[in-house]
């Protein structure tokens, strides 16, 4: 699963035994061909789902920051190549 393509993550515990033992499923919805992944018999599935979403958010922010940084570098580069007619 590509963390950047994650769209939604949910957890599910069915029945008394899974609830008592804190085991269940984690469902990961992604953009792409295989859109839904189900991980079974996961300990503490709500915590796992929350962690996946936190990592996704960090990756998304980091990717967005990198795009902004690259855009600023490109603008500075282009500013340096343009003639400055006002300073003549």
C-alpha atoms as a PDB file:
ATOM      1  CA  UNK A   1       0.000   0.000   0.000  1.00  0.00           C
ATOM      2  CA  UNK A   2       1.442   3.372  -1.024  1.00  0.00           C
ATOM      3  CA  UNK A   3       0.865   5.645   1.979  1.00  0.00           C
ATOM      4  CA  UNK A   4       0.499   8.641  -0.318  1.00  0.00           C
ATOM      5  CA  UNK A   5      -2.511   7.054  -2.015  1.00  0.00           C
ATOM      6  CA  UNK A   6      -4.413   6.319   1.194  1.00  0.00           C
ATOM      7  CA  UNK A   7      -7.797   8.020   1.246  1.00  0.00           C
ATOM      8  CA  UNK A   8      -9.440   6.534   4.338  1.00  0.00           C
ATOM      9  CA  UNK A   9      -8.646   4.088   7.123  1.00  0.00           C
ATOM     10  CA  UNK A  10     -11.177   2.444   9.433  1.00  0.00           C
ATOM     11  CA  UNK A  11     -11.091  -0.299  12.022  1.00  0.00           C
ATOM     12  CA  UNK A  12     -13.614  -2.929  12.999  1.00  0.00           C
ATOM     13  CA  UNK A  13     -13.966  -5.437  15.803  1.00  0.00           C
ATOM     14  CA  UNK A  14     -16.716  -8.034  15.501  1.00  0.00           C
ATOM     15  CA  UNK A  15     -18.151  -9.843  18.454  1.00  0.00           C
ATOM     16  CA  UNK A  16     -17.321 -10.182  22.098  1.00  0.00           C
ATOM     17  CA  UNK A  17     -14.126 -12.201  21.671  1.00  0.00           C
ATOM     18  CA  UNK A  18     -12.454  -9.724  19.291  1.00  0.00           C
ATOM     19  CA  UNK A  19     -13.578  -6.844  21.478  1.00  0.00           C
ATOM     20  CA  UNK A  20     -12.294  -8.521  24.647  1.00  0.00           C
ATOM     21  CA  UNK A  21      -8.956  -9.434  23.039  1.00  0.00           C
ATOM     22  CA  UNK A  22      -8.664  -6.098  21.177  1.00  0.00           C
ATOM     23  CA  UNK A  23      -8.253  -7.766  17.787  1.00  0.00           C
ATOM     24  CA  UNK A  24     -10.007  -6.873  14.569  1.00  0.00           C
ATOM     25  CA  UNK A  25      -9.712  -5.632  11.029  1.00  0.00           C
ATOM     26  CA  UNK A  26      -8.141  -2.534   9.544  1.00  0.00           C
ATOM     27  CA  UNK A  27      -9.642  -1.329   6.260  1.00  0.00           C
ATOM     28  CA  UNK A  28      -7.481   0.901   4.062  1.00  0.00           C
ATOM     29  CA  UNK A  29      -9.129   2.717   1.155  1.00  0.00           C
ATOM     30  CA  UNK A  30      -6.732   3.907  -1.539  1.00  0.00           C
ATOM     31  CA  UNK A  31      -6.778   5.635  -4.881  1.00  0.00           C
ATOM     32  CA  UNK A  32      -5.732   3.178  -7.554  1.00  0.00           C
ATOM     33  CA  UNK A  33      -6.520  -0.194  -9.047  1.00  0.00           C
ATOM     34  CA  UNK A  34      -6.755  -2.214  -5.842  1.00  0.00           C
ATOM     35  CA  UNK A  35      -8.823   0.309  -3.949  1.00  0.00           C
ATOM     36  CA  UNK A  36      -9.503  -1.466  -0.655  1.00  0.00           C
ATOM     37  CA  UNK A  37      -7.207  -3.496   1.529  1.00  0.00           C
ATOM     38  CA  UNK A  38      -8.414  -5.451   4.549  1.00  0.00           C
ATOM     39  CA  UNK A  39      -5.918  -6.501   7.187  1.00  0.00           C
ATOM     40  CA  UNK A  40      -7.284  -9.218   9.496  1.00  0.00           C
ATOM     41  CA  UNK A  41      -6.481 -10.241  13.064  1.00  0.00           C
ATOM     42  CA  UNK A  42      -4.763  -6.953  13.868  1.00  0.00           C
ATOM     43  CA  UNK A  43      -4.101  -6.183  17.547  1.00  0.00           C
ATOM     44  CA  UNK A  44      -5.569  -2.823  18.645  1.00  0.00           C
ATOM     45  CA  UNK A  45      -7.021  -2.029  15.207  1.00  0.00           C
ATOM     46  CA  UNK A  46      -8.262   1.462  16.135  1.00  0.00           C
ATOM     47  CA  UNK A  47      -4.742   2.471  17.184  1.00  0.00           C
ATOM     48  CA  UNK A  48      -3.278   0.982  13.999  1.00  0.00           C
ATOM     49  CA  UNK A  49      -5.823   2.855  11.857  1.00  0.00           C
ATOM     50  CA  UNK A  50      -5.069   6.110  13.692  1.00  0.00           C
ATOM     51  CA  UNK A  51      -1.318   5.593  13.219  1.00  0.00           C
ATOM     52  CA  UNK A  52      -1.713   4.937   9.495  1.00  0.00           C
ATOM     53  CA  UNK A  53      -3.702   8.179   9.137  1.00  0.00           C
ATOM     54  CA  UNK A  54      -1.092  10.127  11.134  1.00  0.00           C
ATOM     55  CA  UNK A  55       1.727   8.821   8.927  1.00  0.00           C
ATOM     56  CA  UNK A  56      -0.319   9.633   5.831  1.00  0.00           C
ATOM     57  CA  UNK A  57      -0.869  13.197   7.043  1.00  0.00           C
ATOM     58  CA  UNK A  58       2.858  13.649   7.737  1.00  0.00           C
ATOM     59  CA  UNK A  59       3.793  12.335   4.293  1.00  0.00           C
ATOM     60  CA  UNK A  60       1.177  14.566   2.629  1.00  0.00           C
ATOM     61  CA  UNK A  61       2.449  17.659   4.476  1.00  0.00           C
ATOM     62  CA  UNK A  62       6.054  16.792   3.680  1.00  0.00           C
ATOM     63  CA  UNK A  63       5.229  16.280   0.002  1.00  0.00           C
ATOM     64  CA  UNK A  64       3.305  19.552  -0.125  1.00  0.00           C
ATOM     65  CA  UNK A  65       6.168  21.400   1.596  1.00  0.00           C
ATOM     66  CA  UNK A  66       8.663  19.932  -0.890  1.00  0.00           C
ATOM     67  CA  UNK A  67       6.525  21.078  -3.845  1.00  0.00           C
ATOM     68  CA  UNK A  68       6.322  24.580  -2.383  1.00  0.00           C
ATOM     69  CA  UNK A  69      10.079  24.644  -1.781  1.00  0.00           C
ATOM     70  CA  UNK A  70      10.794  23.488  -5.326  1.00  0.00           C
ATOM     71  CA  UNK A  71       8.409  26.121  -6.686  1.00  0.00           C
ATOM     72  CA  UNK A  72      10.181  28.842  -4.723  1.00  0.00           C
ATOM     73  CA  UNK A  73      13.584  27.645  -5.938  1.00  0.00           C
ATOM     74  CA  UNK A  74      12.288  27.696  -9.514  1.00  0.00           C
ATOM     75  CA  UNK A  75      10.922  31.242  -9.096  1.00  0.00           C
ATOM     76  CA  UNK A  76      14.221  32.442  -7.601  1.00  0.00           C
ATOM     77  CA  UNK A  77      16.087  30.785 -10.449  1.00  0.00           C
ATOM     78  CA  UNK A  78      13.837  32.457 -13.046  1.00  0.00           C
ATOM     79  CA  UNK A  79      14.093  35.837 -11.282  1.00  0.00           C
ATOM     80  CA  UNK A  80      17.864  35.584 -11.538  1.00  0.00           C
ATOM     81  CA  UNK A  81      17.710  35.018 -15.310  1.00  0.00           C
ATOM     82  CA  UNK A  82      15.334  37.849 -16.182  1.00  0.00           C
ATOM     83  CA  UNK A  83      16.861  41.200 -17.136  1.00  0.00           C
ATOM     84  CA  UNK A  84      16.321  43.879 -14.512  1.00  0.00           C
ATOM     85  CA  UNK A  85      15.431  46.896 -16.658  1.00  0.00           C
ATOM     86  CA  UNK A  86      14.371  48.945 -13.634  1.00  0.00           C
ATOM     87  CA  UNK A  87      17.904  48.894 -12.170  1.00  0.00           C
ATOM     88  CA  UNK A  88      19.672  50.432 -15.193  1.00  0.00           C
END
